[in-house]
Protein backbone atom coordinates (compact mmCIF):
# COMPACT_ATOMS: atom_id res chain seq x y z
CA ALA A 1 98.90 120.59 108.98
CA SER A 2 101.63 118.94 106.83
CA LEU A 3 103.80 118.11 109.93
CA THR A 4 101.44 116.59 112.26
CA GLY A 5 99.07 114.81 109.72
CA GLU A 6 95.84 116.48 110.57
CA SER A 7 93.16 115.42 108.14
CA THR A 8 90.41 117.45 110.45
CA PRO A 9 90.30 121.25 110.29
CA GLN A 10 91.80 122.55 113.49
CA ILE A 11 89.97 125.87 115.27
CA LYS A 12 92.81 128.28 116.92
CA GLU A 13 91.56 131.00 119.01
CA ALA A 14 93.78 133.66 120.79
CA ALA A 15 95.23 132.66 124.16
CA VAL A 16 93.36 135.04 127.23
CA ALA A 17 95.08 134.81 129.99
CA VAL A 18 92.39 135.19 132.75
CA GLY A 19 91.81 133.30 135.84
CA ALA A 20 94.01 130.41 136.88
CA ALA A 21 95.09 130.41 133.30
CA ALA A 22 97.06 134.11 133.89
CA ASN A 23 99.77 132.08 136.62
CA GLU A 24 100.36 129.15 134.00
CA PRO A 25 103.49 129.34 132.06
CA LEU A 26 103.17 128.80 128.23
CA ASP A 27 103.23 125.40 126.95
CA ILE A 28 103.11 125.42 122.79
CA LEU A 29 103.46 121.65 122.88
CA SER A 30 100.88 120.41 124.95
CA ALA A 31 98.50 122.74 127.16
CA HIS A 32 98.25 125.73 124.78
CA ARG A 33 98.63 123.48 121.79
CA VAL A 34 95.05 124.75 120.59
CA HIS A 35 96.51 128.81 120.56
CA THR A 36 99.67 127.71 118.42
CA LEU A 37 100.11 128.16 114.94
CA TYR A 38 103.03 125.66 113.60
CA SER A 39 105.25 125.99 110.43
CA GLY A 40 103.47 123.87 107.64
CA THR A 41 100.19 124.59 108.82
CA SER A 42 97.52 125.74 106.07
CA LEU A 43 95.30 128.38 107.07
CA MET A 44 91.61 128.02 105.52
CA GLN A 45 89.92 130.72 107.18
CA VAL A 46 91.02 133.70 109.81
CA THR A 47 88.33 135.94 111.27
CA ALA A 48 89.96 139.18 112.88
CA GLY A 49 90.08 139.73 116.52
CA GLU A 50 87.71 142.53 118.33
CA GLY A 51 89.14 145.29 120.31
CA THR A 52 92.88 144.84 119.30
CA SER A 53 95.13 148.16 119.16
CA LEU A 54 96.45 146.86 116.30
CA THR A 55 94.66 146.10 113.24
CA PRO A 56 96.00 144.11 109.89
CA PRO A 57 96.00 146.11 106.59
CA ASP A 58 94.36 142.68 105.21
CA GLY A 59 91.89 142.02 107.66
CA GLY A 60 93.76 139.07 109.16
CA CYS A 61 94.88 138.30 112.71
CA MET A 62 97.84 139.19 114.82
CA CYS A 63 100.39 136.57 115.65
CA TYR A 64 103.45 136.70 117.98
CA CYS A 65 106.23 134.69 116.89
CA LEU A 66 107.55 132.10 118.85
CA ARG A 67 110.28 130.12 117.11
CA THR A 68 112.17 130.67 113.79
CA GLY A 69 114.29 128.93 111.59
CA PHE A 70 115.53 125.77 112.90
CA SER A 71 114.00 126.19 116.02
CA SER A 72 110.89 125.58 114.83
CA SER A 73 109.22 122.22 114.71
CA GLN A 74 109.85 121.96 110.79
CA GLY A 75 113.12 123.56 110.92
CA GLN A 76 114.02 120.94 113.84
CA LEU A 77 113.01 118.20 111.69
CA VAL A 78 115.11 119.54 108.87
CA ARG A 79 118.35 119.94 111.06
CA MET A 80 117.72 116.22 112.29
CA ILE A 81 118.07 115.15 108.72
CA GLU A 82 121.09 117.21 107.76
CA TYR A 83 123.24 117.24 110.29
CA SER A 84 122.28 114.09 112.37
CA SER A 85 124.74 113.79 115.58
CA GLU A 86 123.52 110.56 116.61
CA GLN A 87 126.43 108.28 116.40
CA VAL A 88 125.91 105.42 114.08
CA MET A 89 126.24 101.98 115.66
CA SER A 90 124.95 98.34 116.09
CA ASP A 91 123.31 96.55 118.83
CA VAL A 92 124.97 97.49 121.66
CA LYS A 93 123.60 93.72 123.46
CA GLU A 94 125.40 92.26 120.28
CA THR A 95 128.40 94.01 120.78
CA LEU A 96 129.14 93.13 124.24
CA ALA A 97 128.20 89.50 123.45
CA LEU A 98 130.90 89.72 120.73
CA LEU A 99 133.31 91.49 123.56
CA PHE A 100 132.65 88.62 126.06
CA LEU A 101 133.20 85.80 123.97
CA LEU A 102 136.40 87.43 123.08
CA LEU A 103 137.49 88.09 126.41
CA VAL A 104 137.11 84.25 127.37
CA PHE A 105 139.38 83.28 124.47
CA ALA A 106 141.89 85.75 125.67
CA LEU A 107 141.74 84.46 129.71
CA MET A 108 142.33 80.74 127.85
CA ALA A 109 145.20 82.04 126.02
CA SER A 110 146.71 83.64 129.03
CA GLY A 111 146.09 81.02 131.20
CA TYR A 112 148.12 78.72 128.57
CA VAL A 113 150.95 81.26 128.20
CA LEU A 114 151.44 81.80 131.92
CA LYS A 115 151.25 77.92 132.63
CA LYS A 116 153.66 76.87 129.85
CA GLY A 117 156.00 79.87 130.92
CA LEU A 118 156.26 78.80 134.36
CA GLU A 119 157.04 75.36 133.58
CA GLU A 120 159.62 75.86 131.25
CA GLY A 121 161.16 78.81 133.18
CA LYS A 122 162.51 80.49 130.30
CA LYS A 123 161.16 83.74 130.81
CA SER A 124 160.73 85.86 134.20
CA GLN A 125 157.34 86.58 135.79
CA TYR A 126 157.67 89.72 134.71
CA GLU A 127 157.84 89.34 130.93
CA LEU A 128 155.09 86.43 131.46
CA VAL A 129 152.72 88.95 133.27
CA LEU A 130 153.57 91.47 130.57
CA ARG A 131 152.89 89.24 127.97
CA CYS A 132 149.40 88.21 129.29
CA VAL A 133 148.62 91.57 129.48
CA LEU A 134 148.96 92.29 125.84
CA ILE A 135 147.22 89.18 125.28
CA LEU A 136 143.91 90.47 127.38
CA THR A 137 144.23 94.35 125.88
CA SER A 138 144.17 93.02 122.62
CA VAL A 139 140.76 91.49 122.73
CA VAL A 140 139.20 94.89 121.71
CA PRO A 141 140.58 95.49 118.32
CA PRO A 142 140.82 99.17 116.98
CA GLU A 143 138.51 98.52 113.91
CA LEU A 144 135.59 96.86 115.95
CA PRO A 145 133.68 100.07 116.03
CA MET A 146 133.87 100.43 112.48
CA GLN A 147 133.23 96.78 111.81
CA THR A 148 129.90 96.84 113.87
CA ALA A 149 128.77 99.90 111.89
CA VAL A 150 129.47 98.68 108.43
CA ALA A 151 125.79 96.83 108.28
CA VAL A 152 124.09 100.21 109.15
CA ASN A 153 126.25 102.14 106.83
CA THR A 154 125.23 100.08 104.31
CA ALA A 155 121.69 100.03 105.14
CA LEU A 156 121.80 103.66 105.25
CA LEU A 157 123.11 103.99 101.62
CA ALA A 158 120.60 101.56 100.38
CA LEU A 159 117.97 103.97 101.89
CA TRP A 160 119.42 107.22 100.67
CA LYS A 161 119.45 105.75 97.23
CA SER A 162 115.60 105.05 97.32
CA GLN A 163 115.47 108.90 98.74
CA ILE A 164 114.36 107.56 102.17
CA PHE A 165 116.21 109.68 105.19
CA CYS A 166 116.86 108.23 108.38
CA THR A 167 117.18 110.53 111.30
CA GLU A 168 118.18 108.19 113.81
CA PRO A 169 120.66 105.81 112.20
CA PHE A 170 120.79 103.47 115.45
CA ARG A 171 117.44 102.07 115.16
CA ILE A 172 118.04 100.53 111.91
CA PRO A 173 119.29 97.40 113.79
CA TYR A 174 116.18 97.18 115.46
CA ALA A 175 114.24 97.41 112.66
CA GLY A 176 115.99 94.35 111.37
CA LYS A 177 114.33 92.21 114.01
CA ILE A 178 110.98 92.81 113.16
CA LYS A 179 108.74 89.87 112.20
CA ALA A 180 105.62 91.43 111.25
CA CYS A 181 104.38 95.17 110.78
CA LEU A 182 100.92 95.99 110.92
CA PHE A 183 99.22 99.44 110.25
CA ASP A 184 96.19 101.07 109.71
CA LYS A 185 95.00 103.86 107.43
CA THR A 186 91.63 105.31 108.06
CA GLY A 187 89.27 104.60 105.49
CA THR A 188 90.93 101.11 105.10
CA LEU A 189 90.76 99.18 107.80
CA THR A 190 88.77 102.11 109.94
CA THR A 191 86.73 104.86 109.59
CA ASP A 192 86.48 108.11 111.33
CA GLN A 193 82.68 108.33 111.05
CA LEU A 194 80.48 107.81 113.75
CA VAL A 195 76.97 106.77 114.65
CA CYS A 196 75.28 108.84 117.19
CA ALA A 197 73.38 105.58 119.52
CA GLY A 198 71.40 107.69 121.54
CA THR A 199 71.16 109.57 124.41
CA VAL A 200 70.46 108.59 128.30
CA CYS A 201 68.30 111.45 130.13
CA PHE A 202 67.80 110.76 133.80
CA LYS A 203 64.52 112.12 135.16
CA GLY A 204 65.36 112.95 138.79
CA THR A 205 68.01 112.23 141.02
CA GLU A 206 66.18 109.60 143.06
CA GLY A 207 65.26 105.96 141.52
CA PRO A 208 67.35 102.65 141.49
CA SER A 209 71.20 102.82 140.81
CA ASP A 210 70.76 100.24 137.99
CA ALA A 211 71.97 100.95 134.40
CA ARG A 212 69.36 103.08 132.08
CA PRO A 213 68.82 101.65 128.64
CA VAL A 214 70.06 104.25 125.75
CA GLU A 215 67.33 106.11 124.50
CA LYS A 216 66.56 107.15 120.94
CA MET A 217 67.67 110.89 119.91
CA GLU A 218 63.77 111.91 119.19
CA THR A 219 63.20 111.49 122.84
CA THR A 220 66.44 113.64 123.88
CA SER A 221 65.72 116.71 126.67
CA TRP A 222 66.00 120.44 125.50
CA GLU A 223 68.74 120.79 127.86
CA ALA A 224 70.82 118.18 126.29
CA CYS A 225 70.20 118.99 122.90
CA VAL A 226 71.57 122.52 123.69
CA VAL A 227 74.91 121.25 125.07
CA LEU A 228 75.18 118.86 122.22
CA GLY A 229 74.43 121.27 119.36
CA ALA A 230 76.23 124.37 120.51
CA CYS A 231 79.34 122.87 122.99
CA HIS A 232 81.78 121.97 120.10
CA ALA A 233 84.59 123.25 118.06
CA LEU A 234 83.22 122.32 114.55
CA VAL A 235 84.18 124.54 111.21
CA LYS A 236 82.39 124.79 107.95
CA VAL A 237 85.05 124.33 104.92
CA GLU A 238 83.33 124.37 101.55
CA ASP A 239 79.59 124.64 102.78
CA GLN A 240 80.47 121.24 104.49
CA ILE A 241 80.73 121.23 108.66
CA THR A 242 83.89 119.29 109.54
CA GLY A 243 85.88 118.61 113.04
CA ASP A 244 85.89 116.05 115.78
CA PRO A 245 83.87 113.04 114.35
CA ILE A 246 81.87 112.50 117.50
CA GLU A 247 80.63 116.00 117.36
CA VAL A 248 79.85 115.76 113.73
CA ALA A 249 78.03 112.86 114.58
CA GLY A 250 75.99 114.65 117.35
CA VAL A 251 75.04 117.56 115.48
CA LYS A 252 73.78 115.81 113.02
CA ALA A 253 71.69 113.11 114.78
CA LEU A 254 70.27 116.03 116.27
CA GLY A 255 69.53 117.87 113.31
CA TRP A 256 70.93 121.02 114.00
CA ASP A 257 72.47 123.65 111.70
CA TYR A 258 75.88 125.66 112.44
CA GLN A 259 76.59 128.87 111.33
CA PRO A 260 80.32 129.58 112.38
CA SER A 261 80.47 133.08 111.00
CA THR A 262 77.76 133.89 113.73
CA ASN A 263 78.83 130.96 115.90
CA THR A 264 75.03 130.10 116.34
CA SER A 265 73.29 126.93 116.19
CA LYS A 266 69.82 126.02 115.79
CA PRO A 267 67.44 123.51 114.65
CA GLY A 268 67.37 122.55 111.16
CA GLU A 269 64.71 120.95 108.71
CA LYS A 270 65.68 117.47 110.02
CA ALA A 271 65.55 118.26 113.72
CA VAL A 272 64.13 116.01 116.34
CA ASP A 273 60.76 116.47 116.67
CA SER A 274 61.22 117.14 120.53
CA ILE A 275 62.99 120.39 119.82
CA PRO A 276 60.39 123.34 118.76
CA LYS A 277 61.03 125.74 116.12
CA GLY A 278 62.47 129.12 116.70
CA SER A 279 64.96 128.24 119.17
CA SER A 280 68.82 129.44 119.01
CA VAL A 281 72.19 129.13 120.72
CA THR A 282 75.00 131.76 120.10
CA VAL A 283 78.25 130.94 121.48
CA LEU A 284 80.04 133.68 123.47
CA ASN A 285 83.27 132.36 124.50
CA ARG A 286 84.55 128.94 123.94
CA TYR A 287 86.90 126.97 126.25
CA HIS A 288 88.54 124.36 124.32
CA PHE A 289 88.89 120.71 125.16
CA ALA A 290 91.94 120.15 127.71
CA SER A 291 93.42 116.66 128.12
CA LYS A 292 94.52 117.11 131.40
CA LEU A 293 90.56 118.48 132.52
CA GLN A 294 88.95 115.75 130.17
CA ARG A 295 86.35 118.63 129.06
CA MET A 296 85.52 121.59 126.82
CA SER A 297 82.98 123.93 127.38
CA VAL A 298 80.93 127.21 126.15
CA LEU A 299 79.40 130.26 127.35
CA ALA A 300 76.46 131.06 125.20
CA HIS A 301 73.05 132.80 124.78
CA VAL A 302 70.24 130.41 124.64
CA ARG A 303 67.08 131.87 123.14
CA GLU A 304 64.40 129.14 124.62
CA PRO A 305 61.61 128.12 122.30
CA GLY A 306 58.03 129.15 123.30
CA THR A 307 59.34 132.10 125.38
CA GLY A 308 61.91 133.65 123.01
CA GLU A 309 63.92 135.04 126.19
CA ARG A 310 67.48 135.00 125.92
CA GLU A 311 69.58 133.34 128.56
CA THR A 312 72.71 133.18 129.26
CA TRP A 313 74.09 129.49 129.82
CA ALA A 314 77.54 127.65 130.75
CA LEU A 315 77.40 124.54 128.64
CA VAL A 316 79.82 121.64 129.47
CA LYS A 317 80.82 118.21 128.09
CA GLY A 318 83.46 116.05 128.80
CA SER A 319 84.17 112.44 130.29
CA PRO A 320 81.54 111.27 132.84
CA GLU A 321 84.45 110.83 135.40
CA ALA A 322 85.10 114.49 134.97
CA ILE A 323 81.73 115.82 134.80
CA ALA A 324 80.57 114.12 137.56
CA LYS A 325 83.11 115.74 139.92
CA LEU A 326 81.31 119.17 138.78
CA LEU A 327 77.67 118.28 139.29
CA VAL A 328 75.58 119.77 142.17
CA THR A 329 73.54 116.48 142.30
CA LYS A 330 74.71 113.19 140.71
CA PRO A 331 71.78 111.36 139.43
CA ALA A 332 71.41 107.78 140.42
CA GLY A 333 72.37 105.29 138.45
CA TYR A 334 75.31 107.60 136.60
CA ASP A 335 77.93 105.13 137.12
CA SER A 336 76.43 102.18 136.24
CA THR A 337 75.07 103.25 133.05
CA TYR A 338 78.38 104.94 131.60
CA ARG A 339 80.27 101.85 132.44
CA GLN A 340 77.86 99.62 130.76
CA MET A 341 78.13 101.41 127.71
CA ALA A 342 81.74 101.91 127.86
CA GLU A 343 81.95 98.05 128.49
CA GLU A 344 79.93 97.93 125.08
CA GLY A 345 83.02 99.53 123.20
CA MET A 346 80.72 103.19 123.05
CA ARG A 347 82.11 106.39 123.52
CA VAL A 348 80.58 107.97 125.74
CA LEU A 349 79.99 112.04 126.75
CA ALA A 350 78.46 113.50 129.87
CA LEU A 351 76.53 116.95 129.04
CA ALA A 352 76.02 119.38 131.74
CA TYR A 353 74.68 122.89 131.93
CA ARG A 354 74.17 125.81 134.12
CA LYS A 355 72.05 129.02 133.81
CA ILE A 356 73.72 132.49 134.83
CA SER A 357 71.88 134.65 136.90
CA THR A 358 71.50 137.98 136.29
CA GLN A 359 73.47 138.85 139.79
CA GLU A 360 75.96 136.99 138.57
CA LEU A 361 76.29 138.15 135.25
CA ASN A 362 76.52 141.82 136.94
CA THR A 363 79.34 140.88 138.84
CA GLN A 364 81.77 139.52 135.88
CA PRO A 365 83.17 141.30 133.15
CA GLU A 366 81.11 141.94 130.09
CA VAL A 367 80.39 138.73 128.21
CA LYS A 368 81.75 139.23 124.85
CA SER A 369 84.68 138.33 122.54
CA GLY A 370 87.96 139.39 123.71
CA THR A 371 86.47 139.66 127.62
CA PRO A 372 85.92 135.87 128.52
CA TRP A 373 85.21 134.82 131.97
CA PRO A 374 87.48 132.47 133.87
CA ARG A 375 87.07 128.70 132.87
CA GLU A 376 86.64 127.80 136.81
CA GLU A 377 83.84 130.19 136.90
CA VAL A 378 82.39 128.73 134.04
CA GLU A 379 82.82 125.14 134.88
CA LYS A 380 81.06 124.86 138.22
CA ASN A 381 77.53 123.72 140.12
CA LEU A 382 76.68 121.95 136.85
CA VAL A 383 73.32 120.18 136.19
CA PHE A 384 73.19 116.69 134.46
CA ALA A 385 71.72 117.36 130.76
C-alpha cells in the first residue's frame, strides 16, 4: 500500500461473524485490519467469494464502503496538509523562561518605583500602585506570539520552497534540537530474509526440563511439517511466493510447494527426506494472525502419506507463551528451550495441531469457505508438534 509502505503483499479475506467474533465491534484500525482495504492499495489478485447473493459482473469481490473522501486515511492526510489547524508556536518551555525573565525585571522595576515614590512623597499611594501595576502588565508584549512564531514560519517557508509539506509545524523547534539522526532502510543495514535454523521436536511429555538442542530440518516430524507448510498467509505474485519473511523461510526450508489458487501445500522436489511424497494439505479456512492472541491458525484437509486417507486438522502456530496455554500437555523442557533460543537472538514459533474427530465434524457447520468454524472451537485441546 502507498500509505503504509508495505513492501510485502498482504492477504485480505472477508470478515465472517461467527462465535465470539460476532459480538466484537468493527475495528478497522487494529483487530479487523486484515479484512479492510485502504485507499492507495494496489490490488494484485482478486478471488470471488462463494455463496454470495450478489455477483460482480467482472468476477471481482464485493466490498462494503466504510469511509470516503476526507474521512479515509488518504483523505485525512491531504486535509491535514491543506488545512492544518495546529497553532504555529515555538517551544513552550523557552517561552515560559523568557516570560519569567521579563517578570523578574518588571518586579525589580516596580519595587524601585514604589520605593522612590514613597521616599519623595510627590505622588499618592494610589498613583504609585497604579504605575507598578502598569509595569507588571506590560511584561507580556502584544507581539510576543508573533515574534516566537517568526522562526517557525521562516522554517515552514524554506521547507515549502523545497516541496516539503509539514503537517505539524509546532514540531519544527523540536527538530532543531536533534543532534544525531539514525535510520535504517531494509536492504542496506538489515535484510528481510530469514534463515530457518531448525526445529525442536519433543518426544513424549516426560524427561528432563533442560533445554533441548535445535535439530536440522531433515529430522522434523511429520506433524511439524504440516503446520509449518500450511499454516501461513503466503501469496504467489509472478510465480514467486511472497509474504512474511519467517513464513517464506519456513516453507523454503521444508522444500514444500504452495499453490494459492487451490490453497494446497505439498512436498516438492527439494522436500526433506523425512516426508514421503504423495501427502498434501489443503487449507479450508484461515484465521489470520492477531497481535492480541499472538497466533494464527488454519483448518485444513490433510492427506497423510502411506494411507492416503484425508483427515481434517486444526493447525496453529504462534508465540510459545500463547501456544502453551492451548496445549493439552506441555512437554518437559518446553519453557527452557524457547527461552534459550530467544536469548540467542532467534525468532521462535511454537507449532501445534489437533485432529478433528468425525463426531465433531458432524456437530459443526459444513467445513468450506463461507461457513468457517468459530476460532475458539479450532484453537483448543492442541497437541505440540
